[in-house]
Protein backbone atom coordinates (compact mmCIF):
# COMPACT_ATOMS: atom_id res chain seq x y z
CA MET A 1 35.32 -31.89 32.25
CA TYR A 2 33.95 -30.59 29.14
CA ASP A 3 36.18 -28.19 27.55
CA PRO A 4 34.34 -26.00 25.01
CA PHE A 5 37.64 -24.67 23.73
CA ALA A 6 39.33 -28.14 22.94
CA CYS A 7 38.90 -27.75 19.19
CA PRO A 8 39.35 -24.27 17.66
CA GLU A 9 37.50 -23.91 14.34
CA ARG A 10 40.01 -22.00 12.52
CA ALA A 11 42.92 -23.85 10.92
CA PRO A 12 46.51 -23.50 12.33
CA THR A 13 48.86 -20.95 10.93
CA ALA A 14 52.59 -21.00 10.15
CA MET A 15 54.83 -20.42 13.05
CA GLY A 16 56.48 -17.21 13.12
CA THR A 17 53.66 -15.08 11.79
CA PRO A 18 53.24 -11.90 13.73
CA ARG A 19 50.34 -12.03 16.29
CA PRO A 20 49.28 -8.57 17.17
CA ALA A 21 45.80 -9.67 18.56
CA LEU A 22 44.50 -12.98 19.83
CA ASP A 23 41.28 -14.74 20.31
CA VAL A 24 41.74 -16.66 23.51
CA GLY A 25 39.50 -19.17 25.32
CA PHE A 26 40.14 -19.30 29.04
CA THR A 27 39.21 -22.07 31.48
CA LEU A 28 39.48 -21.61 35.00
CA ASP A 29 39.32 -25.00 37.12
CA TRP A 30 39.03 -24.91 40.98
CA SER A 31 37.37 -26.78 43.79
CA SER A 32 34.98 -25.83 46.63
CA ALA A 33 34.06 -28.21 49.44
CA GLU A 34 30.62 -28.91 47.55
CA ALA A 35 31.95 -29.45 43.95
CA ARG A 36 34.35 -29.17 41.09
CA HIS A 37 34.16 -26.05 39.15
CA ARG A 38 35.23 -24.96 35.57
CA GLU A 39 34.68 -21.24 34.44
CA CYS A 40 35.06 -20.86 30.54
CA LEU A 41 35.48 -17.23 29.08
CA PHE A 42 36.00 -16.41 25.44
CA LEU A 43 37.95 -13.01 25.04
CA PRO A 44 38.60 -11.83 21.49
CA TRP A 45 41.05 -9.30 20.19
CA LEU A 46 43.43 -9.34 23.10
CA MET A 47 46.89 -7.82 22.66
CA PRO A 48 49.83 -9.62 24.23
CA ALA A 49 51.82 -6.58 24.46
CA HIS A 50 49.34 -4.10 25.55
CA ASP A 51 46.87 -5.85 27.94
CA VAL A 52 46.98 -6.53 31.36
CA TRP A 53 47.46 -10.22 31.95
CA PRO A 54 47.88 -12.46 35.13
CA GLY A 55 51.52 -13.13 35.43
CA ALA A 56 53.43 -13.64 32.06
CA ILE A 57 50.67 -15.37 30.36
CA GLY A 58 50.50 -12.67 27.75
CA SER A 59 53.99 -13.04 26.46
CA GLN A 60 53.72 -16.99 26.57
CA LEU A 61 50.67 -16.81 24.38
CA ALA A 62 52.31 -14.45 21.81
CA GLY A 63 54.82 -17.73 21.06
CA VAL A 64 52.17 -20.39 20.50
CA ASP A 65 50.06 -21.34 17.48
CA VAL A 66 46.46 -21.64 16.93
CA GLY A 67 45.06 -24.50 18.87
CA GLU A 68 47.82 -24.55 21.64
CA ALA A 69 47.29 -23.78 25.18
CA VAL A 70 49.50 -22.30 27.92
CA ASP A 71 48.80 -23.64 31.52
CA VAL A 72 49.06 -21.48 34.60
CA PRO A 73 48.80 -23.54 37.78
CA GLY A 74 48.26 -21.40 40.83
CA ALA A 75 47.38 -18.28 38.65
CA PRO A 76 47.52 -15.05 40.79
CA LEU A 77 44.03 -14.04 39.80
CA VAL A 78 42.52 -12.70 43.30
CA PRO A 79 44.30 -11.42 46.54
CA GLY A 80 44.59 -13.96 49.14
CA TRP A 81 41.93 -14.47 51.74
CA ASP A 82 42.26 -11.89 54.61
CA PRO A 83 40.72 -12.39 58.13
CA ALA A 84 40.42 -8.72 58.37
CA GLY A 85 37.91 -8.87 55.26
CA GLU A 86 35.21 -10.31 57.30
CA VAL A 87 33.63 -7.44 59.23
CA GLU A 88 31.29 -7.64 62.17
CA LEU A 89 28.16 -5.12 61.91
CA PRO A 90 25.07 -4.74 63.55
CA PRO A 91 22.29 -5.91 61.30
CA ALA A 92 20.97 -2.33 61.11
CA ALA A 93 24.05 -1.41 59.24
CA PHE A 94 22.57 -3.19 56.10
CA ASN A 95 20.41 -0.54 54.35
CA ARG A 96 17.18 -2.29 53.46
CA ARG A 97 15.75 0.69 52.00
CA LEU A 98 18.50 1.56 49.76
CA ARG A 99 16.45 0.42 46.60
CA ARG A 100 13.90 3.24 45.99
CA HIS A 101 10.81 1.07 45.34
CA ARG A 102 11.38 -2.12 47.06
CA VAL A 103 12.75 -3.46 50.53
CA VAL A 104 15.72 -5.56 50.27
CA GLU A 105 16.05 -8.21 53.01
CA PRO A 106 19.64 -9.49 53.99
CA ARG A 107 20.21 -13.29 53.62
CA ALA A 108 22.93 -15.31 54.85
CA GLY A 109 25.41 -16.50 51.99
CA ARG A 110 24.06 -13.93 49.51
CA PHE A 111 25.85 -11.06 47.64
CA TYR A 112 24.92 -7.51 47.55
CA PRO A 113 26.60 -4.19 46.07
CA ARG A 114 28.77 -2.78 48.85
CA ALA A 115 26.67 0.49 48.87
CA PHE A 116 24.19 -1.64 51.29
CA ILE A 117 26.72 -1.06 54.09
CA ALA A 118 28.10 2.30 52.92
CA GLY A 119 29.22 4.28 56.17
CA HIS A 120 30.87 1.05 57.55
CA ALA A 121 34.22 -0.53 56.92
CA GLY A 122 35.34 2.41 55.04
CA ILE A 123 32.72 1.79 51.99
CA GLU A 124 31.37 4.94 50.37
CA ALA A 125 27.72 5.42 49.05
CA GLY A 126 27.28 4.00 45.47
CA ASP A 127 30.11 1.38 45.62
CA ARG A 128 29.09 -1.21 43.16
CA GLU A 129 31.56 -3.92 44.24
CA LEU A 130 29.93 -7.02 45.76
CA PHE A 131 30.23 -8.31 49.17
CA ARG A 132 28.90 -11.40 50.88
CA ILE A 133 26.79 -11.62 53.92
CA GLY A 134 28.25 -14.54 56.05
CA LYS A 135 26.74 -15.09 59.42
CA LEU A 136 23.35 -13.22 59.96
CA GLU A 137 22.15 -13.28 63.57
CA ASP A 138 20.02 -11.24 65.80
CA ALA A 139 22.92 -9.23 67.13
CA ARG A 140 25.48 -9.07 64.26
CA LEU A 141 25.95 -9.47 60.56
CA VAL A 142 29.37 -10.57 59.25
CA ALA A 143 30.20 -8.92 55.87
CA ASP A 144 32.84 -10.72 54.08
CA LEU A 145 34.75 -8.29 51.72
CA ASN A 146 37.00 -10.92 50.30
CA HIS A 147 36.81 -11.97 46.84
CA PRO A 148 34.70 -15.10 46.66
CA LEU A 149 37.73 -17.09 44.98
CA ALA A 150 39.92 -16.03 48.03
CA GLY A 151 41.25 -18.78 49.90
CA MET A 152 40.21 -21.52 47.26
CA ASP A 153 43.14 -23.68 46.66
CA ASP A 154 44.98 -24.75 43.41
CA LEU A 155 43.34 -22.43 40.77
CA GLN A 156 44.32 -23.90 37.49
CA LEU A 157 44.15 -21.50 34.56
CA ARG A 158 44.53 -22.51 30.77
CA ALA A 159 44.49 -20.24 28.07
CA ARG A 160 44.06 -21.53 24.50
CA VAL A 161 44.55 -19.48 21.32
CA MET A 162 41.65 -19.80 18.99
CA ALA A 163 42.48 -17.57 16.13
CA PHE A 164 44.88 -14.49 15.60
CA HIS A 165 44.47 -11.10 13.76
CA GLU A 166 47.20 -9.48 11.71
CA GLN A 167 46.08 -6.16 13.20
CA GLY A 168 45.62 -4.94 16.68
CA ARG A 169 42.53 -3.35 18.10
CA GLU A 170 41.89 0.17 17.01
CA ASP A 171 41.25 1.50 20.39
CA ASP A 172 44.00 2.10 22.88
CA ARG A 173 42.59 0.96 26.17
CA ALA A 174 44.18 -1.85 27.91
CA VAL A 175 41.84 -4.91 28.62
CA ALA A 176 42.21 -5.94 32.14
CA VAL A 177 42.18 -9.65 31.62
CA THR A 178 42.25 -10.68 35.21
CA ARG A 179 39.33 -8.82 36.24
CA MET A 180 37.40 -10.06 33.32
CA LEU A 181 38.13 -13.62 34.40
CA THR A 182 36.98 -13.18 37.95
CA ALA A 183 34.62 -10.08 38.49
CA ARG A 184 30.98 -10.83 39.55
CA GLY A 185 31.40 -14.69 38.92
CA PRO A 186 33.82 -17.37 39.91
CA GLY A 187 33.31 -18.27 43.33
CA MET A 188 29.90 -17.03 44.05
CA GLN A 189 28.28 -20.48 43.59
CA ALA A 190 30.28 -21.85 46.34
CA ARG A 191 28.92 -21.91 50.00
CA TRP A 192 30.31 -19.43 52.67
CA HIS A 193 32.61 -21.40 54.75
CA GLY A 194 30.58 -24.56 54.01
CA ARG A 195 27.21 -23.09 55.41
CA PRO A 196 24.12 -23.35 53.38
CA THR A 197 22.96 -20.34 51.65
CA ASP A 198 19.55 -18.86 52.71
CA PHE A 199 17.95 -19.08 49.27
CA TRP A 200 14.66 -20.23 50.34
CA SER A 201 13.31 -18.24 53.27
CA GLY A 202 10.30 -15.80 52.91
CA GLU A 203 8.56 -15.68 49.59
CA ALA A 204 11.43 -17.17 47.59
CA CYS A 205 9.25 -19.46 45.55
CA GLU A 206 6.43 -16.90 44.90
CA ARG A 207 5.79 -15.64 41.29
CA GLU A 208 4.51 -12.49 39.78
CA ASP A 209 1.99 -14.50 37.76
CA PRO A 210 0.41 -16.97 40.20
CA ALA A 211 -1.98 -18.22 37.53
CA PRO A 212 -1.91 -21.93 36.95
CA ASP A 213 0.78 -23.24 34.62
CA ARG A 214 -1.59 -24.72 32.35
CA GLU A 215 -3.12 -21.53 31.18
CA PHE A 216 0.25 -20.00 30.46
CA TYR A 217 1.38 -23.01 28.50
CA ALA A 218 -2.00 -23.84 26.77
CA GLY A 219 -0.65 -22.64 23.41
CA PRO A 220 2.29 -24.20 21.88
CA ARG A 221 5.61 -21.92 21.58
CA MET A 222 7.49 -23.32 18.52
CA VAL A 223 10.47 -21.05 19.33
CA HIS A 224 13.92 -21.25 20.52
CA HIS A 225 14.66 -19.75 23.95
CA LEU A 226 18.31 -19.80 23.57
CA ASP A 227 20.58 -18.96 20.50
CA ALA A 228 22.12 -21.61 18.41
CA THR A 229 25.56 -21.26 19.90
CA ALA A 230 24.26 -21.99 23.47
CA ARG A 231 22.29 -24.67 22.29
CA ALA A 232 25.14 -26.55 20.66
CA ARG A 233 27.07 -26.27 23.66
CA ILE A 234 24.56 -27.67 25.97
CA ALA A 235 24.13 -30.59 23.33
CA ALA A 236 27.99 -31.09 23.65
CA LEU A 237 27.89 -31.01 27.54
CA TYR A 238 25.06 -33.65 27.66
CA ALA A 239 26.83 -35.75 24.89
CA THR A 240 29.99 -35.92 27.39
CA LEU A 241 27.80 -36.85 30.46
CA ILE A 242 25.24 -39.35 29.11
CA PRO A 243 26.68 -42.72 28.20
CA GLN A 244 25.93 -44.77 25.06
CA GLY A 245 22.82 -46.69 25.18
CA ALA A 246 21.26 -44.76 28.13
CA ARG A 247 17.60 -44.28 29.04
CA VAL A 248 16.97 -40.54 29.14
CA LEU A 249 14.22 -38.24 30.55
CA ASP A 250 14.19 -34.90 29.13
CA LEU A 251 12.37 -32.97 32.25
CA MET A 252 10.46 -29.89 31.36
CA SER A 253 10.59 -30.71 27.84
CA SER A 254 9.24 -28.94 24.75
CA TRP A 255 9.13 -29.24 20.90
CA ALA A 256 13.14 -29.30 20.76
CA SER A 257 15.44 -31.11 23.01
CA HIS A 258 19.29 -30.78 23.19
CA LEU A 259 20.26 -34.38 23.02
CA ASP A 260 21.07 -34.44 19.17
CA ARG A 261 24.55 -35.49 19.90
CA LEU A 262 23.78 -38.51 22.05
CA GLN A 263 25.19 -41.97 20.99
CA SER A 264 22.36 -44.46 20.27
CA PRO A 265 20.16 -43.80 23.33
CA GLU A 266 17.98 -46.63 24.37
CA ALA A 267 14.91 -44.37 24.68
CA VAL A 268 14.34 -40.75 25.32
CA VAL A 269 11.10 -39.58 27.44
CA GLY A 270 9.88 -36.19 27.43
CA LEU A 271 7.90 -34.67 30.23
CA GLY A 272 6.36 -31.34 29.58
CA MET A 273 3.46 -29.11 29.67
CA ASN A 274 2.10 -28.76 26.07
CA HIS A 275 1.00 -31.72 23.93
CA GLU A 276 1.70 -30.05 20.56
CA GLU A 277 5.16 -29.10 21.48
CA LEU A 278 6.13 -32.64 22.88
CA ALA A 279 4.48 -34.30 19.61
CA ALA A 280 6.57 -32.20 17.34
CA ASN A 281 9.69 -33.17 19.37
CA GLU A 282 11.33 -35.64 17.02
CA ALA A 283 13.91 -36.70 19.58
CA LEU A 284 11.17 -38.33 21.84
CA ASP A 285 10.32 -41.99 21.87
CA GLN A 286 7.62 -41.18 24.43
CA ALA A 287 5.96 -38.23 25.82
CA LEU A 288 4.17 -37.37 29.08
CA VAL A 289 2.10 -34.06 29.90
CA HIS A 290 2.61 -33.37 33.59
CA ASP A 291 2.44 -30.18 35.59
CA LEU A 292 5.43 -30.57 38.19
CA ASN A 293 4.05 -27.38 40.13
CA ARG A 294 0.82 -29.14 40.73
CA GLN A 295 2.39 -32.57 41.39
CA PRO A 296 6.18 -32.50 41.94
CA THR A 297 6.14 -36.32 42.09
CA ILE A 298 7.06 -37.64 38.52
CA PRO A 299 4.50 -40.43 37.57
CA LEU A 300 7.37 -42.76 36.16
CA PRO A 301 8.90 -46.15 37.54
CA PRO A 302 11.48 -45.70 40.12
CA ALA A 303 15.07 -46.40 39.07
CA SER A 304 14.23 -46.53 35.44
CA PHE A 305 16.47 -43.74 33.90
CA ASP A 306 20.31 -43.38 33.43
CA ALA A 307 20.22 -39.60 32.79
CA VAL A 308 17.82 -36.73 33.33
CA VAL A 309 18.46 -33.31 31.67
CA CYS A 310 16.60 -30.00 32.54
CA THR A 311 17.29 -27.38 30.10
CA ALA A 312 16.46 -23.56 30.52
CA SER A 313 13.47 -24.50 32.87
CA VAL A 314 14.49 -24.87 36.56
CA GLU A 315 13.87 -21.45 37.37
CA TYR A 316 9.96 -22.05 37.04
CA LEU A 317 9.96 -24.93 39.64
CA THR A 318 7.78 -23.64 42.68
CA ARG A 319 8.82 -26.84 44.62
CA PRO A 320 12.10 -27.44 43.37
CA GLN A 321 13.31 -29.51 46.36
CA ALA A 322 10.42 -31.99 45.90
CA VAL A 323 11.08 -32.43 42.08
CA PHE A 324 14.76 -32.94 42.70
CA ALA A 325 13.95 -35.48 45.24
CA SER A 326 11.71 -37.44 42.86
CA VAL A 327 14.14 -37.01 40.08
CA ARG A 328 16.68 -38.94 42.38
CA GLU A 329 14.29 -41.66 42.81
CA LEU A 330 13.85 -42.17 38.95
CA LEU A 331 17.71 -42.64 38.56
CA ARG A 332 19.72 -45.71 38.69
CA PRO A 333 22.62 -45.90 40.84
CA GLY A 334 25.44 -43.70 39.13
CA GLY A 335 22.85 -42.11 36.95
CA VAL A 336 23.30 -38.22 36.01
CA LEU A 337 21.12 -35.43 36.54
CA ALA A 338 22.17 -32.37 34.44
CA VAL A 339 20.69 -29.07 34.56
CA ALA A 340 21.47 -26.25 32.15
CA PHE A 341 20.19 -22.55 31.95
CA SER A 342 21.20 -19.00 30.74
CA ASP A 343 20.29 -15.57 31.78
CA ARG A 344 16.86 -15.56 29.87
CA CYS A 345 13.60 -16.58 31.17
CA PHE A 346 9.89 -15.62 31.57
CA PRO A 347 10.32 -13.26 34.41
CA THR A 348 6.52 -13.38 35.58
CA LYS A 349 6.77 -17.26 35.76
CA ALA A 350 10.30 -17.51 37.25
CA ILE A 351 10.42 -17.88 41.01
CA ALA A 352 11.23 -14.77 43.09
CA VAL A 353 14.59 -15.63 44.27
CA TRP A 354 15.66 -16.59 40.74
CA GLU A 355 15.31 -12.82 39.70
CA GLN A 356 17.04 -11.61 42.75
CA LEU A 357 20.25 -13.44 42.23
CA TYR A 358 23.49 -12.87 40.26
CA ASP A 359 24.11 -15.57 37.47
CA PHE A 360 26.68 -17.48 39.48
CA GLU A 361 24.72 -17.36 42.54
CA ARG A 362 22.02 -19.32 40.41
CA MET A 363 24.51 -21.73 40.08
CA GLY A 364 24.86 -21.99 43.73
CA LEU A 365 20.98 -22.35 44.11
CA VAL A 366 20.82 -25.22 41.77
CA LEU A 367 23.87 -26.68 43.40
CA ASP A 368 22.03 -26.38 46.83
CA LEU A 369 19.05 -28.45 45.26
CA PHE A 370 21.55 -31.22 44.29
CA LEU A 371 22.96 -31.23 47.75
CA ARG A 372 19.57 -31.39 49.47
CA ALA A 373 18.53 -34.25 47.35
CA GLY A 374 21.59 -36.20 48.21
CA PHE A 375 23.45 -36.29 44.82
CA ASP A 376 27.16 -36.58 44.92
CA ASP A 377 30.25 -36.16 42.57
CA LEU A 378 28.90 -32.56 41.76
CA SER A 379 30.35 -30.22 39.25
CA THR A 380 29.27 -26.82 37.69
CA LEU A 381 30.37 -25.19 34.59
CA SER A 382 30.09 -21.75 33.18
CA LEU A 383 30.50 -20.52 29.41
CA ARG A 384 30.40 -16.86 28.45
CA GLY A 385 31.65 -14.56 25.81
CA LEU A 386 31.23 -16.48 22.63
CA PRO A 387 30.21 -14.55 19.63
CA ARG A 388 26.55 -14.39 18.69
CA PRO A 389 25.94 -16.35 15.39
CA PRO A 390 25.61 -13.79 12.55
CA ASP A 391 22.04 -15.09 11.21
CA ASP A 392 20.83 -14.96 14.93
CA PRO A 393 17.78 -12.31 15.14
CA TYR A 394 19.36 -10.57 17.89
CA ALA A 395 22.94 -10.45 16.30
CA GLY A 396 22.35 -6.67 15.53
CA ARG A 397 21.86 -5.87 19.11
CA LEU A 398 23.66 -8.55 21.11
CA ASP A 399 27.38 -9.09 20.54
CA TYR A 400 27.52 -12.34 22.61
CA ALA A 401 26.08 -15.75 22.39
CA ASP A 402 23.73 -16.59 25.43
CA PRO A 403 25.91 -17.54 28.42
CA VAL A 404 25.58 -21.29 29.61
CA PHE A 405 25.51 -22.41 33.21
CA ALA A 406 25.25 -25.89 34.15
CA VAL A 407 25.30 -28.18 37.28
CA TRP A 408 25.31 -31.82 37.20
CA GLY A 409 25.76 -34.78 39.79
CA ARG A 410 25.21 -38.43 40.02
CA CYS A 411 22.78 -40.67 42.10
CA PRO A 412 24.80 -42.66 44.76
């Protein structure tokens, strides 16, 4: 699987040089019943002798050079699964009116702050830790208080030294490395005990702005929607997934694709909403203006592509299940569909459920679409914490590059 930390950009240093602080790239590999998963997190200025590390990994990293990695199989990252952490409650225990200005309906498989069930299971008001609703029936609600990674077998942690600093951090706080690796993220994309998550009930695919998309996309937007670091990582991911000489469809394309690292593709076809944007895209051999929310069936020959990519756009599909089914028809056996996104979007055009979910739950939603469409050999990837490019227009306000989340699978 793609490893964004495999090639550190800084040259190695002489062994024996003191290392008061390190930049470390962590990759956490694990598997659920549905897919393989890799979580990548970059943490700068970690101090081996001062911070709180999982196991003895801090002292091990202190002795390795830039570019070298330490593997920690079966890393002690989260408490084990506890059956007592699955608490049966009456459905009325979920406080639907906790939010001042809106009613929040509980959905099976979804995550919520524990404050929604305050007064039960020893939970106090204002508790922001997350819990998951497991079963949701007329007479009972199962609240799972376990960490979403609890019970997942064979957690594989790798820590790679990306750079070192001759001086430590100026502040005295100890960084809780384990918590940063696991809080509000890894595990949330997997189904609860194999049960499909309730993403699609109610008005899940409604939008704040219901006007036709042709109006919203009438004028060209020749701007990047992600920073340069995120774009480069997505391009590198696509290059690992798409074979040389492939015929590729860039779904929901615009003036710029993320396919510049592909090896000699046979052809790249772009399907998007704005003719001027598509005409300006130098990566495309062919362009097609088509509104998937009006007609989710893609007007291209079946079994005519080796790969389909969709970048920073899946959240705008109002009939996503139909679109994924159509994409599967376009792919040849063994062909790959890769969907990448970040935490940025046009909120008035994103479907309602997207705005309600945590980032890792969004990976679960996209993974659900793959499963419903019959894809197999499924994988997910998260990449967070990389520094924002210094020449980025938001560099003064945002320290980190846009996170990258991706799901991919293959056509049987």
